[in-house]
């Protein structure tokens, strides 16, 4: 259990890449960073295109907290793009590539629609 750092998680979504690093500086000022747990997937994206800053901090009460910081565009890529979490969690899927692409497209349309309605 001492090695599990993502039981508690905070995700910060910002406007641009510069804001990602500024948010990281704020997090580092607020909490003690666990050494060796900072991962910069913005400067060094994963092979599948995943981009985000990850760090693990120690909050009050000695509770570890994983913090993920990314832009809106990076977040949409995580949710619906090639790096989409739901895709690799499915494992060997019985559905064709076309069906998976249609599901991805439908999720994007629903999210876009919800975001558009909330702005209006």
PDB file of N, CA and C in Angstrom:
ATOM      1  N   UNK A   1       0.824  -1.210   0.000  1.00  0.00           N
ATOM      2  CA  UNK A   1       0.000   0.000   0.000  1.00  0.00           C
ATOM      3  C   UNK A   1       0.860   1.261   0.000  1.00  0.00           C
ATOM      4  N   UNK A   2       2.086   1.173   0.537  1.00  0.00           N
ATOM      5  CA  UNK A   2       2.951   2.347   0.577  1.00  0.00           C
ATOM      6  C   UNK A   2       3.375   2.804  -0.819  1.00  0.00           C
ATOM      7  N   UNK A   3       3.264   1.926  -1.815  1.00  0.00           N
ATOM      8  CA  UNK A   3       3.679   2.242  -3.170  1.00  0.00           C
ATOM      9  C   UNK A   3       2.537   2.780  -4.034  1.00  0.00           C
ATOM     10  N   UNK A   4       1.311   2.804  -3.510  1.00  0.00           N
ATOM     11  CA  UNK A   4       0.163   3.274  -4.289  1.00  0.00           C
ATOM     12  C   UNK A   4      -0.036   4.759  -4.002  1.00  0.00           C
ATOM     13  N   UNK A   5       0.132   5.571  -5.055  1.00  0.00           N
ATOM     14  CA  UNK A   5       0.087   7.024  -4.883  1.00  0.00           C
ATOM     15  C   UNK A   5      -1.154   7.671  -5.488  1.00  0.00           C
ATOM     16  N   UNK A   6      -1.968   6.898  -6.218  1.00  0.00           N
ATOM     17  CA  UNK A   6      -3.076   7.548  -6.923  1.00  0.00           C
ATOM     18  C   UNK A   6      -4.451   7.187  -6.374  1.00  0.00           C
ATOM     19  N   UNK A   7      -4.525   6.853  -5.093  1.00  0.00           N
ATOM     20  CA  UNK A   7      -5.832   6.617  -4.491  1.00  0.00           C
ATOM     21  C   UNK A   7      -6.607   7.930  -4.454  1.00  0.00           C
ATOM     22  N   UNK A   8      -5.894   9.011  -4.134  1.00  0.00           N
ATOM     23  CA  UNK A   8      -6.482  10.349  -4.143  1.00  0.00           C
ATOM     24  C   UNK A   8      -5.849  11.103  -5.309  1.00  0.00           C
ATOM     25  N   UNK A   9      -6.691  11.728  -6.117  1.00  0.00           N
ATOM     26  CA  UNK A   9      -6.183  12.355  -7.329  1.00  0.00           C
ATOM     27  C   UNK A   9      -6.829  13.718  -7.522  1.00  0.00           C
ATOM     28  N   UNK A  10      -6.033  14.646  -8.036  1.00  0.00           N
ATOM     29  CA  UNK A  10      -6.508  15.976  -8.386  1.00  0.00           C
ATOM     30  C   UNK A  10      -6.106  16.229  -9.832  1.00  0.00           C
ATOM     31  N   UNK A  11      -7.071  16.585 -10.650  1.00  0.00           N
ATOM     32  CA  UNK A  11      -6.778  16.898 -12.045  1.00  0.00           C
ATOM     33  C   UNK A  11      -7.024  18.392 -12.252  1.00  0.00           C
ATOM     34  N   UNK A  12      -6.033  19.062 -12.816  1.00  0.00           N
ATOM     35  CA  UNK A  12      -6.109  20.495 -13.072  1.00  0.00           C
ATOM     36  C   UNK A  12      -6.095  20.696 -14.584  1.00  0.00           C
ATOM     37  N   UNK A  13      -7.140  21.351 -15.099  1.00  0.00           N
ATOM     38  CA  UNK A  13      -7.237  21.627 -16.533  1.00  0.00           C
ATOM     39  C   UNK A  13      -7.048  23.129 -16.729  1.00  0.00           C
ATOM     40  N   UNK A  14      -6.079  23.495 -17.567  1.00  0.00           N
ATOM     41  CA  UNK A  14      -5.744  24.909 -17.781  1.00  0.00           C
ATOM     42  C   UNK A  14      -5.837  25.246 -19.272  1.00  0.00           C
ATOM     43  N   UNK A  15      -5.632  26.508 -19.586  1.00  0.00           N
ATOM     44  CA  UNK A  15      -5.792  26.998 -20.958  1.00  0.00           C
ATOM     45  C   UNK A  15      -4.655  26.619 -21.899  1.00  0.00           C
ATOM     46  N   UNK A  16      -3.409  26.763 -21.433  1.00  0.00           N
ATOM     47  CA  UNK A  16      -2.291  26.538 -22.350  1.00  0.00           C
ATOM     48  C   UNK A  16      -1.121  25.863 -21.623  1.00  0.00           C
ATOM     49  N   UNK A  17      -0.123  25.488 -22.407  1.00  0.00           N
ATOM     50  CA  UNK A  17       1.023  24.752 -21.880  1.00  0.00           C
ATOM     51  C   UNK A  17       1.772  25.539 -20.801  1.00  0.00           C
ATOM     52  N   UNK A  18       1.933  26.830 -21.008  1.00  0.00           N
ATOM     53  CA  UNK A  18       2.610  27.679 -20.017  1.00  0.00           C
ATOM     54  C   UNK A  18       1.878  27.615 -18.669  1.00  0.00           C
ATOM     55  N   UNK A  19       0.547  27.623 -18.723  1.00  0.00           N
ATOM     56  CA  UNK A  19      -0.254  27.526 -17.498  1.00  0.00           C
ATOM     57  C   UNK A  19      -0.059  26.190 -16.787  1.00  0.00           C
ATOM     58  N   UNK A  20       0.238  25.134 -17.547  1.00  0.00           N
ATOM     59  CA  UNK A  20       0.503  23.827 -16.924  1.00  0.00           C
ATOM     60  C   UNK A  20       1.686  23.938 -15.973  1.00  0.00           C
ATOM     61  N   UNK A  21       2.764  24.538 -16.448  1.00  0.00           N
ATOM     62  CA  UNK A  21       3.967  24.656 -15.628  1.00  0.00           C
ATOM     63  C   UNK A  21       3.768  25.633 -14.474  1.00  0.00           C
ATOM     64  N   UNK A  22       2.967  26.677 -14.695  1.00  0.00           N
ATOM     65  CA  UNK A  22       2.651  27.606 -13.608  1.00  0.00           C
ATOM     66  C   UNK A  22       1.822  26.892 -12.533  1.00  0.00           C
ATOM     67  N   UNK A  23       0.858  26.090 -12.948  1.00  0.00           N
ATOM     68  CA  UNK A  23       0.048  25.322 -11.988  1.00  0.00           C
ATOM     69  C   UNK A  23       0.928  24.351 -11.211  1.00  0.00           C
ATOM     70  N   UNK A  24       1.902  23.746 -11.873  1.00  0.00           N
ATOM     71  CA  UNK A  24       2.829  22.838 -11.188  1.00  0.00           C
ATOM     72  C   UNK A  24       3.604  23.591 -10.110  1.00  0.00           C
ATOM     73  N   UNK A  25       4.059  24.797 -10.419  1.00  0.00           N
ATOM     74  CA  UNK A  25       4.789  25.592  -9.420  1.00  0.00           C
ATOM     75  C   UNK A  25       3.906  25.894  -8.205  1.00  0.00           C
ATOM     76  N   UNK A  26       2.633  26.179  -8.446  1.00  0.00           N
ATOM     77  CA  UNK A  26       1.703  26.441  -7.338  1.00  0.00           C
ATOM     78  C   UNK A  26       1.538  25.184  -6.491  1.00  0.00           C
ATOM     79  N   UNK A  27       1.358  24.043  -7.132  1.00  0.00           N
ATOM     80  CA  UNK A  27       1.216  22.772  -6.403  1.00  0.00           C
ATOM     81  C   UNK A  27       2.461  22.512  -5.552  1.00  0.00           C
ATOM     82  N   UNK A  28       3.636  22.759  -6.129  1.00  0.00           N
ATOM     83  CA  UNK A  28       4.888  22.532  -5.405  1.00  0.00           C
ATOM     84  C   UNK A  28       5.049  23.488  -4.223  1.00  0.00           C
ATOM     85  N   UNK A  29       4.429  24.658  -4.291  1.00  0.00           N
ATOM     86  CA  UNK A  29       4.467  25.597  -3.171  1.00  0.00           C
ATOM     87  C   UNK A  29       3.485  25.205  -2.075  1.00  0.00           C
ATOM     88  N   UNK A  30       2.386  24.574  -2.470  1.00  0.00           N
ATOM     89  CA  UNK A  30       1.353  24.210  -1.505  1.00  0.00           C
ATOM     90  C   UNK A  30       1.685  22.941  -0.712  1.00  0.00           C
ATOM     91  N   UNK A  31       2.277  21.955  -1.391  1.00  0.00           N
ATOM     92  CA  UNK A  31       2.513  20.663  -0.759  1.00  0.00           C
ATOM     93  C   UNK A  31       3.932  20.188  -0.978  1.00  0.00           C
ATOM     94  N   UNK A  32       4.356  19.250  -0.139  1.00  0.00           N
ATOM     95  CA  UNK A  32       5.668  18.623  -0.245  1.00  0.00           C
ATOM     96  C   UNK A  32       5.622  17.577  -1.358  1.00  0.00           C
ATOM     97  N   UNK A  33       6.505  17.729  -2.326  1.00  0.00           N
ATOM     98  CA  UNK A  33       6.534  16.796  -3.449  1.00  0.00           C
ATOM     99  C   UNK A  33       7.286  15.528  -3.066  1.00  0.00           C
ATOM    100  N   UNK A  34       6.714  14.366  -3.396  1.00  0.00           N
ATOM    101  CA  UNK A  34       7.378  13.089  -3.151  1.00  0.00           C
ATOM    102  C   UNK A  34       8.514  12.960  -4.167  1.00  0.00           C
ATOM    103  N   UNK A  35       9.754  12.813  -3.705  1.00  0.00           N
ATOM    104  CA  UNK A  35      10.907  12.769  -4.616  1.00  0.00           C
ATOM    105  C   UNK A  35      10.780  11.656  -5.661  1.00  0.00           C
ATOM    106  N   UNK A  36      11.162  11.992  -6.882  1.00  0.00           N
ATOM    107  CA  UNK A  36      11.179  11.022  -7.965  1.00  0.00           C
ATOM    108  C   UNK A  36       9.829  10.732  -8.598  1.00  0.00           C
ATOM    109  N   UNK A  37       8.789  11.470  -8.220  1.00  0.00           N
ATOM    110  CA  UNK A  37       7.447  11.190  -8.722  1.00  0.00           C
ATOM    111  C   UNK A  37       6.937  12.229  -9.713  1.00  0.00           C
ATOM    112  N   UNK A  38       7.772  13.152 -10.147  1.00  0.00           N
ATOM    113  CA  UNK A  38       7.379  14.133 -11.152  1.00  0.00           C
ATOM    114  C   UNK A  38       7.616  13.535 -12.534  1.00  0.00           C
ATOM    115  N   UNK A  39       6.578  13.540 -13.361  1.00  0.00           N
ATOM    116  CA  UNK A  39       6.694  13.046 -14.734  1.00  0.00           C
ATOM    117  C   UNK A  39       6.170  14.132 -15.674  1.00  0.00           C
ATOM    118  N   UNK A  40       7.011  14.527 -16.605  1.00  0.00           N
ATOM    119  CA  UNK A  40       6.661  15.568 -17.564  1.00  0.00           C
ATOM    120  C   UNK A  40       6.355  14.919 -18.908  1.00  0.00           C
ATOM    121  N   UNK A  41       5.088  14.560 -19.092  1.00  0.00           N
ATOM    122  CA  UNK A  41       4.658  13.964 -20.355  1.00  0.00           C
ATOM    123  C   UNK A  41       4.292  15.034 -21.375  1.00  0.00           C
ATOM    124  N   UNK A  42       4.496  16.312 -21.031  1.00  0.00           N
ATOM    125  CA  UNK A  42       4.295  17.381 -22.010  1.00  0.00           C
ATOM    126  C   UNK A  42       5.572  17.536 -22.832  1.00  0.00           C
ATOM    127  N   UNK A  43       6.694  17.686 -22.145  1.00  0.00           N
ATOM    128  CA  UNK A  43       7.978  17.780 -22.853  1.00  0.00           C
ATOM    129  C   UNK A  43       8.374  16.448 -23.477  1.00  0.00           C
ATOM    130  N   UNK A  44       7.973  15.348 -22.827  1.00  0.00           N
ATOM    131  CA  UNK A  44       8.310  14.004 -23.284  1.00  0.00           C
ATOM    132  C   UNK A  44       7.036  13.158 -23.351  1.00  0.00           C
ATOM    133  N   UNK A  45       6.203  13.378 -24.398  1.00  0.00           N
ATOM    134  CA  UNK A  45       4.928  12.653 -24.492  1.00  0.00           C
ATOM    135  C   UNK A  45       5.148  11.145 -24.571  1.00  0.00           C
ATOM    136  N   UNK A  46       4.117  10.405 -24.124  1.00  0.00           N
ATOM    137  CA  UNK A  46       4.150   8.957 -24.275  1.00  0.00           C
ATOM    138  C   UNK A  46       4.031   8.611 -25.753  1.00  0.00           C
ATOM    139  N   UNK A  47       4.362   7.394 -26.091  1.00  0.00           N
ATOM    140  CA  UNK A  47       4.346   6.938 -27.482  1.00  0.00           C
ATOM    141  C   UNK A  47       2.968   7.131 -28.128  1.00  0.00           C
ATOM    142  N   UNK A  48       1.907   6.969 -27.355  1.00  0.00           N
ATOM    143  CA  UNK A  48       0.549   7.089 -27.902  1.00  0.00           C
ATOM    144  C   UNK A  48       0.054   8.536 -27.985  1.00  0.00           C
ATOM    145  N   UNK A  49       0.923   9.509 -27.671  1.00  0.00           N
ATOM    146  CA  UNK A  49       0.564  10.912 -27.762  1.00  0.00           C
ATOM    147  C   UNK A  49       0.078  11.531 -26.464  1.00  0.00           C
ATOM    148  N   UNK A  50       0.007  10.731 -25.407  1.00  0.00           N
ATOM    149  CA  UNK A  50      -0.477  11.226 -24.109  1.00  0.00           C
ATOM    150  C   UNK A  50       0.428  12.342 -23.613  1.00  0.00           C
ATOM    151  N   UNK A  51      -0.200  13.456 -23.191  1.00  0.00           N
ATOM    152  CA  UNK A  51       0.530  14.588 -22.626  1.00  0.00           C
ATOM    153  C   UNK A  51      -0.142  15.048 -21.344  1.00  0.00           C
ATOM    154  N   UNK A  52       0.664  15.280 -20.322  1.00  0.00           N
ATOM    155  CA  UNK A  52       0.181  15.764 -19.029  1.00  0.00           C
ATOM    156  C   UNK A  52       1.382  15.890 -18.116  1.00  0.00           C
ATOM    157  N   UNK A  53       1.249  16.698 -17.092  1.00  0.00           N
ATOM    158  CA  UNK A  53       2.230  16.707 -16.009  1.00  0.00           C
ATOM    159  C   UNK A  53       1.653  15.882 -14.876  1.00  0.00           C
ATOM    160  N   UNK A  54       2.468  15.011 -14.292  1.00  0.00           N
ATOM    161  CA  UNK A  54       2.047  14.225 -13.139  1.00  0.00           C
ATOM    162  C   UNK A  54       3.039  14.464 -12.018  1.00  0.00           C
ATOM    163  N   UNK A  55       2.527  14.610 -10.834  1.00  0.00           N
ATOM    164  CA  UNK A  55       3.387  14.640  -9.663  1.00  0.00           C
ATOM    165  C   UNK A  55       2.616  14.037  -8.499  1.00  0.00           C
ATOM    166  N   UNK A  56       3.339  13.603  -7.504  1.00  0.00           N
ATOM    167  CA  UNK A  56       2.720  13.088  -6.285  1.00  0.00           C
ATOM    168  C   UNK A  56       3.183  13.978  -5.147  1.00  0.00           C
ATOM    169  N   UNK A  57       2.232  14.454  -4.362  1.00  0.00           N
ATOM    170  CA  UNK A  57       2.542  15.325  -3.237  1.00  0.00           C
ATOM    171  C   UNK A  57       1.986  14.721  -1.958  1.00  0.00           C
ATOM    172  N   UNK A  58       2.493  15.206  -0.850  1.00  0.00           N
ATOM    173  CA  UNK A  58       2.022  14.789   0.459  1.00  0.00           C
ATOM    174  C   UNK A  58       1.176  15.924   1.006  1.00  0.00           C
ATOM    175  N   UNK A  59      -0.119  15.656   1.172  1.00  0.00           N
ATOM    176  CA  UNK A  59      -1.016  16.678   1.688  1.00  0.00           C
ATOM    177  C   UNK A  59      -1.017  16.632   3.212  1.00  0.00           C
ATOM    178  N   UNK A  60      -1.808  17.519   3.794  1.00  0.00           N
ATOM    179  CA  UNK A  60      -1.923  17.527   5.250  1.00  0.00           C
ATOM    180  C   UNK A  60      -2.416  16.168   5.715  1.00  0.00           C
ATOM    181  N   UNK A  61      -1.902  15.709   6.821  1.00  0.00           N
ATOM    182  CA  UNK A  61      -2.290  14.405   7.334  1.00  0.00           C
ATOM    183  C   UNK A  61      -1.513  13.274   6.693  1.00  0.00           C
ATOM    184  N   UNK A  62      -0.410  13.602   5.992  1.00  0.00           N
ATOM    185  CA  UNK A  62       0.443  12.583   5.372  1.00  0.00           C
ATOM    186  C   UNK A  62      -0.299  11.742   4.330  1.00  0.00           C
ATOM    187  N   UNK A  63      -1.251  12.319   3.648  1.00  0.00           N
ATOM    188  CA  UNK A  63      -1.996  11.608   2.604  1.00  0.00           C
ATOM    189  C   UNK A  63      -1.367  11.956   1.260  1.00  0.00           C
ATOM    190  N   UNK A  64      -1.026  10.918   0.488  1.00  0.00           N
ATOM    191  CA  UNK A  64      -0.459  11.180  -0.832  1.00  0.00           C
ATOM    192  C   UNK A  64      -1.575  11.540  -1.807  1.00  0.00           C
ATOM    193  N   UNK A  65      -1.233  12.432  -2.719  1.00  0.00           N
ATOM    194  CA  UNK A  65      -2.180  12.950  -3.685  1.00  0.00           C
ATOM    195  C   UNK A  65      -1.485  13.010  -5.034  1.00  0.00           C
ATOM    196  N   UNK A  66      -2.038  12.315  -6.024  1.00  0.00           N
ATOM    197  CA  UNK A  66      -1.493  12.426  -7.369  1.00  0.00           C
ATOM    198  C   UNK A  66      -2.142  13.632  -8.033  1.00  0.00           C
ATOM    199  N   UNK A  67      -1.332  14.500  -8.623  1.00  0.00           N
ATOM    200  CA  UNK A  67      -1.832  15.690  -9.306  1.00  0.00           C
ATOM    201  C   UNK A  67      -1.494  15.554 -10.785  1.00  0.00           C
ATOM    202  N   UNK A  68      -2.524  15.693 -11.616  1.00  0.00           N
ATOM    203  CA  UNK A  68      -2.362  15.685 -13.065  1.00  0.00           C
ATOM    204  C   UNK A  68      -2.728  17.076 -13.581  1.00  0.00           C
ATOM    205  N   UNK A  69      -1.863  17.628 -14.426  1.00  0.00           N
ATOM    206  CA  UNK A  69      -2.083  18.973 -14.953  1.00  0.00           C
ATOM    207  C   UNK A  69      -1.973  18.899 -16.467  1.00  0.00           C
ATOM    208  N   UNK A  70      -3.006  19.413 -17.152  1.00  0.00           N
ATOM    209  CA  UNK A  70      -2.998  19.382 -18.615  1.00  0.00           C
ATOM    210  C   UNK A  70      -3.884  20.487 -19.166  1.00  0.00           C
ATOM    211  N   UNK A  71      -3.739  20.747 -20.454  1.00  0.00           N
ATOM    212  CA  UNK A  71      -4.603  21.721 -21.123  1.00  0.00           C
ATOM    213  C   UNK A  71      -5.924  21.043 -21.510  1.00  0.00           C
ATOM    214  N   UNK A  72      -6.894  21.873 -21.931  1.00  0.00           N
ATOM    215  CA  UNK A  72      -8.175  21.331 -22.394  1.00  0.00           C
ATOM    216  C   UNK A  72      -7.965  20.409 -23.589  1.00  0.00           C
ATOM    217  N   UNK A  73      -7.099  20.823 -24.515  1.00  0.00           N
ATOM    218  CA  UNK A  73      -6.839  20.013 -25.700  1.00  0.00           C
ATOM    219  C   UNK A  73      -6.207  18.676 -25.327  1.00  0.00           C
ATOM    220  N   UNK A  74      -5.260  18.699 -24.400  1.00  0.00           N
ATOM    221  CA  UNK A  74      -4.628  17.458 -23.935  1.00  0.00           C
ATOM    222  C   UNK A  74      -5.666  16.552 -23.274  1.00  0.00           C
ATOM    223  N   UNK A  75      -6.568  17.161 -22.525  1.00  0.00           N
ATOM    224  CA  UNK A  75      -7.599  16.382 -21.849  1.00  0.00           C
ATOM    225  C   UNK A  75      -8.540  15.723 -22.862  1.00  0.00           C
ATOM    226  N   UNK A  76      -8.922  16.454 -23.906  1.00  0.00           N
ATOM    227  CA  UNK A  76      -9.772  15.867 -24.943  1.00  0.00           C
ATOM    228  C   UNK A  76      -9.068  14.706 -25.635  1.00  0.00           C
ATOM    229  N   UNK A  77      -7.761  14.832 -25.837  1.00  0.00           N
ATOM    230  CA  UNK A  77      -6.985  13.747 -26.439  1.00  0.00           C
ATOM    231  C   UNK A  77      -6.991  12.516 -25.536  1.00  0.00           C
ATOM    232  N   UNK A  78      -6.879  12.740 -24.219  1.00  0.00           N
ATOM    233  CA  UNK A  78      -6.916  11.627 -23.263  1.00  0.00           C
ATOM    234  C   UNK A  78      -8.283  10.950 -23.293  1.00  0.00           C
ATOM    235  N   UNK A  79      -9.335  11.744 -23.367  1.00  0.00           N
ATOM    236  CA  UNK A  79     -10.689  11.204 -23.301  1.00  0.00           C
ATOM    237  C   UNK A  79     -11.141  10.543 -24.603  1.00  0.00           C
ATOM    238  N   UNK A  80     -10.760  11.126 -25.750  1.00  0.00           N
ATOM    239  CA  UNK A  80     -11.351  10.677 -27.001  1.00  0.00           C
ATOM    240  C   UNK A  80     -10.344  10.313 -28.081  1.00  0.00           C
ATOM    241  N   UNK A  81      -9.112  10.728 -27.929  1.00  0.00           N
ATOM    242  CA  UNK A  81      -8.131  10.515 -28.982  1.00  0.00           C
ATOM    243  C   UNK A  81      -7.444   9.169 -28.917  1.00  0.00           C
ATOM    244  N   UNK A  82      -6.327   9.105 -29.585  1.00  0.00           N
ATOM    245  CA  UNK A  82      -5.557   7.868 -29.679  1.00  0.00           C
ATOM    246  C   UNK A  82      -5.133   7.364 -28.304  1.00  0.00           C
ATOM    247  N   UNK A  83      -4.916   8.288 -27.375  1.00  0.00           N
ATOM    248  CA  UNK A  83      -4.469   7.913 -26.032  1.00  0.00           C
ATOM    249  C   UNK A  83      -5.637   7.625 -25.084  1.00  0.00           C
ATOM    250  N   UNK A  84      -6.839   7.515 -25.621  1.00  0.00           N
ATOM    251  CA  UNK A  84      -8.031   7.375 -24.777  1.00  0.00           C
ATOM    252  C   UNK A  84      -7.930   6.178 -23.842  1.00  0.00           C
ATOM    253  N   UNK A  85      -8.182   6.459 -22.572  1.00  0.00           N
ATOM    254  CA  UNK A  85      -8.087   5.471 -21.497  1.00  0.00           C
ATOM    255  C   UNK A  85      -9.049   4.309 -21.729  1.00  0.00           C
ATOM    256  N   UNK A  86     -10.261   4.587 -22.159  1.00  0.00           N
ATOM    257  CA  UNK A  86     -11.265   3.536 -22.322  1.00  0.00           C
ATOM    258  C   UNK A  86     -10.843   2.514 -23.361  1.00  0.00           C
ATOM    259  N   UNK A  87     -10.039   2.934 -24.330  1.00  0.00           N
ATOM    260  CA  UNK A  87      -9.628   2.022 -25.395  1.00  0.00           C
ATOM    261  C   UNK A  87      -8.727   0.919 -24.874  1.00  0.00           C
ATOM    262  N   UNK A  88      -7.681   1.278 -24.138  1.00  0.00           N
ATOM    263  CA  UNK A  88      -6.773   0.219 -23.716  1.00  0.00           C
ATOM    264  C   UNK A  88      -7.303  -0.536 -22.519  1.00  0.00           C
ATOM    265  N   UNK A  89      -8.268   0.005 -21.794  1.00  0.00           N
ATOM    266  CA  UNK A  89      -8.894  -0.741 -20.706  1.00  0.00           C
ATOM    267  C   UNK A  89      -9.796  -1.848 -21.249  1.00  0.00           C
ATOM    268  N   UNK A  90     -10.255  -1.689 -22.502  1.00  0.00           N
ATOM    269  CA  UNK A  90     -11.130  -2.687 -23.103  1.00  0.00           C
ATOM    270  C   UNK A  90     -10.363  -3.957 -23.453  1.00  0.00           C
ATOM    271  N   UNK A  91      -9.036  -3.841 -23.651  1.00  0.00           N
ATOM    272  CA  UNK A  91      -8.262  -5.017 -24.014  1.00  0.00           C
ATOM    273  C   UNK A  91      -8.583  -5.452 -25.435  1.00  0.00           C
ATOM    274  N   UNK A  92      -8.548  -6.754 -25.670  1.00  0.00           N
ATOM    275  CA  UNK A  92      -8.893  -7.276 -26.988  1.00  0.00           C
ATOM    276  C   UNK A  92     -10.385  -7.117 -27.188  1.00  0.00           C
ATOM    277  N   UNK A  93     -10.733  -6.220 -28.040  1.00  0.00           N
ATOM    278  CA  UNK A  93     -12.138  -5.884 -28.247  1.00  0.00           C
ATOM    279  C   UNK A  93     -12.702  -6.725 -29.377  1.00  0.00           C
ATOM    280  N   UNK A  94     -13.954  -7.144 -29.213  1.00  0.00           N
ATOM    281  CA  UNK A  94     -14.612  -7.950 -30.243  1.00  0.00           C
ATOM    282  C   UNK A  94     -15.158  -7.091 -31.374  1.00  0.00           C
ATOM    283  N   UNK A  95     -15.117  -5.771 -31.232  1.00  0.00           N
ATOM    284  CA  UNK A  95     -15.689  -4.877 -32.232  1.00  0.00           C
ATOM    285  C   UNK A  95     -14.629  -4.440 -33.226  1.00  0.00           C
ATOM    286  N   UNK A  96     -15.080  -4.108 -34.416  1.00  0.00           N
ATOM    287  CA  UNK A  96     -14.170  -3.667 -35.466  1.00  0.00           C
ATOM    288  C   UNK A  96     -13.624  -2.282 -35.155  1.00  0.00           C
ATOM    289  N   UNK A  97     -12.592  -1.912 -35.850  1.00  0.00           N
ATOM    290  CA  UNK A  97     -11.988  -0.587 -35.719  1.00  0.00           C
ATOM    291  C   UNK A  97     -13.007   0.493 -36.049  1.00  0.00           C
ATOM    292  N   UNK A  98     -13.859   0.234 -37.046  1.00  0.00           N
ATOM    293  CA  UNK A  98     -14.882   1.203 -37.445  1.00  0.00           C
ATOM    294  C   UNK A  98     -15.841   1.493 -36.293  1.00  0.00           C
ATOM    295  N   UNK A  99     -16.293   0.439 -35.607  1.00  0.00           N
ATOM    296  CA  UNK A  99     -17.217   0.613 -34.483  1.00  0.00           C
ATOM    297  C   UNK A  99     -16.542   1.419 -33.378  1.00  0.00           C
ATOM    298  N   UNK A 100     -15.287   1.121 -33.082  1.00  0.00           N
ATOM    299  CA  UNK A 100     -14.566   1.868 -32.047  1.00  0.00           C
ATOM    300  C   UNK A 100     -14.427   3.337 -32.428  1.00  0.00           C
ATOM    301  N   UNK A 101     -14.187   3.611 -33.708  1.00  0.00           N
ATOM    302  CA  UNK A 101     -14.084   4.990 -34.162  1.00  0.00           C
ATOM    303  C   UNK A 101     -15.423   5.706 -34.036  1.00  0.00           C
ATOM    304  N   UNK A 102     -16.508   5.022 -34.315  1.00  0.00           N
ATOM    305  CA  UNK A 102     -17.834   5.625 -34.193  1.00  0.00           C
ATOM    306  C   UNK A 102     -18.157   5.927 -32.726  1.00  0.00           C
ATOM    307  N   UNK A 103     -17.786   5.040 -31.824  1.00  0.00           N
ATOM    308  CA  UNK A 103     -17.990   5.281 -30.388  1.00  0.00           C
ATOM    309  C   UNK A 103     -17.179   6.491 -29.961  1.00  0.00           C
ATOM    310  N   UNK A 104     -15.943   6.568 -30.411  1.00  0.00           N
ATOM    311  CA  UNK A 104     -15.085   7.714 -30.088  1.00  0.00           C
ATOM    312  C   UNK A 104     -15.698   9.008 -30.618  1.00  0.00           C
ATOM    313  N   UNK A 105     -16.191   8.990 -31.857  1.00  0.00           N
ATOM    314  CA  UNK A 105     -16.810  10.164 -32.451  1.00  0.00           C
ATOM    315  C   UNK A 105     -18.058  10.577 -31.666  1.00  0.00           C
ATOM    316  N   UNK A 106     -18.887   9.615 -31.282  1.00  0.00           N
ATOM    317  CA  UNK A 106     -20.112   9.913 -30.530  1.00  0.00           C
ATOM    318  C   UNK A 106     -19.785  10.538 -29.183  1.00  0.00           C
ATOM    319  N   UNK A 107     -18.774  10.031 -28.499  1.00  0.00           N
ATOM    320  CA  UNK A 107     -18.367  10.616 -27.216  1.00  0.00           C
ATOM    321  C   UNK A 107     -17.910  12.053 -27.415  1.00  0.00           C
ATOM    322  N   UNK A 108     -17.170  12.307 -28.485  1.00  0.00           N
ATOM    323  CA  UNK A 108     -16.689  13.658 -28.753  1.00  0.00           C
ATOM    324  C   UNK A 108     -17.870  14.597 -29.000  1.00  0.00           C
ATOM    325  N   UNK A 109     -18.848  14.156 -29.798  1.00  0.00           N
ATOM    326  CA  UNK A 109     -20.010  14.991 -30.118  1.00  0.00           C
ATOM    327  C   UNK A 109     -20.790  15.326 -28.852  1.00  0.00           C
ATOM    328  N   UNK A 110     -21.003  14.337 -27.989  1.00  0.00           N
ATOM    329  CA  UNK A 110     -21.757  14.578 -26.747  1.00  0.00           C
ATOM    330  C   UNK A 110     -21.014  15.575 -25.874  1.00  0.00           C
ATOM    331  N   UNK A 111     -19.707  15.420 -25.736  1.00  0.00           N
ATOM    332  CA  UNK A 111     -18.922  16.345 -24.916  1.00  0.00           C
ATOM    333  C   UNK A 111     -18.961  17.752 -25.513  1.00  0.00           C
ATOM    334  N   UNK A 112     -18.771  17.856 -26.819  1.00  0.00           N
ATOM    335  CA  UNK A 112     -18.809  19.157 -27.479  1.00  0.00           C
ATOM    336  C   UNK A 112     -20.171  19.812 -27.261  1.00  0.00           C
ATOM    337  N   UNK A 113     -21.227  19.039 -27.420  1.00  0.00           N
ATOM    338  CA  UNK A 113     -22.575  19.570 -27.240  1.00  0.00           C
ATOM    339  C   UNK A 113     -22.781  20.080 -25.812  1.00  0.00           C
ATOM    340  N   UNK A 114     -22.342  19.310 -24.828  1.00  0.00           N
ATOM    341  CA  UNK A 114     -22.486  19.716 -23.425  1.00  0.00           C
ATOM    342  C   UNK A 114     -21.700  20.977 -23.125  1.00  0.00           C
ATOM    343  N   UNK A 115     -20.468  21.057 -23.665  1.00  0.00           N
ATOM    344  CA  UNK A 115     -19.632  22.246 -23.445  1.00  0.00           C
ATOM    345  C   UNK A 115     -20.265  23.470 -24.107  1.00  0.00           C
ATOM    346  N   UNK A 116     -20.816  23.297 -25.294  1.00  0.00           N
ATOM    347  CA  UNK A 116     -21.446  24.404 -26.017  1.00  0.00           C
ATOM    348  C   UNK A 116     -22.675  24.898 -25.252  1.00  0.00           C
ATOM    349  N   UNK A 117     -23.477  23.981 -24.755  1.00  0.00           N
ATOM    350  CA  UNK A 117     -24.668  24.362 -24.009  1.00  0.00           C
ATOM    351  C   UNK A 117     -24.309  25.076 -22.714  1.00  0.00           C
ATOM    352  N   UNK A 118     -23.239  24.651 -22.058  1.00  0.00           N
ATOM    353  CA  UNK A 118     -22.865  25.277 -20.790  1.00  0.00           C
ATOM    354  C   UNK A 118     -22.342  26.695 -21.011  1.00  0.00           C
ATOM    355  N   UNK A 119     -21.783  26.977 -22.175  1.00  0.00           N
ATOM    356  CA  UNK A 119     -21.303  28.323 -22.483  1.00  0.00           C
ATOM    357  C   UNK A 119     -22.453  29.269 -22.776  1.00  0.00           C
ATOM    358  N   UNK A 120     -23.538  28.747 -23.331  1.00  0.00           N
ATOM    359  CA  UNK A 120     -24.705  29.540 -23.660  1.00  0.00           C
ATOM    360  C   UNK A 120     -25.554  29.758 -22.425  1.00  0.00           C
TER     361      UNK A 120
END
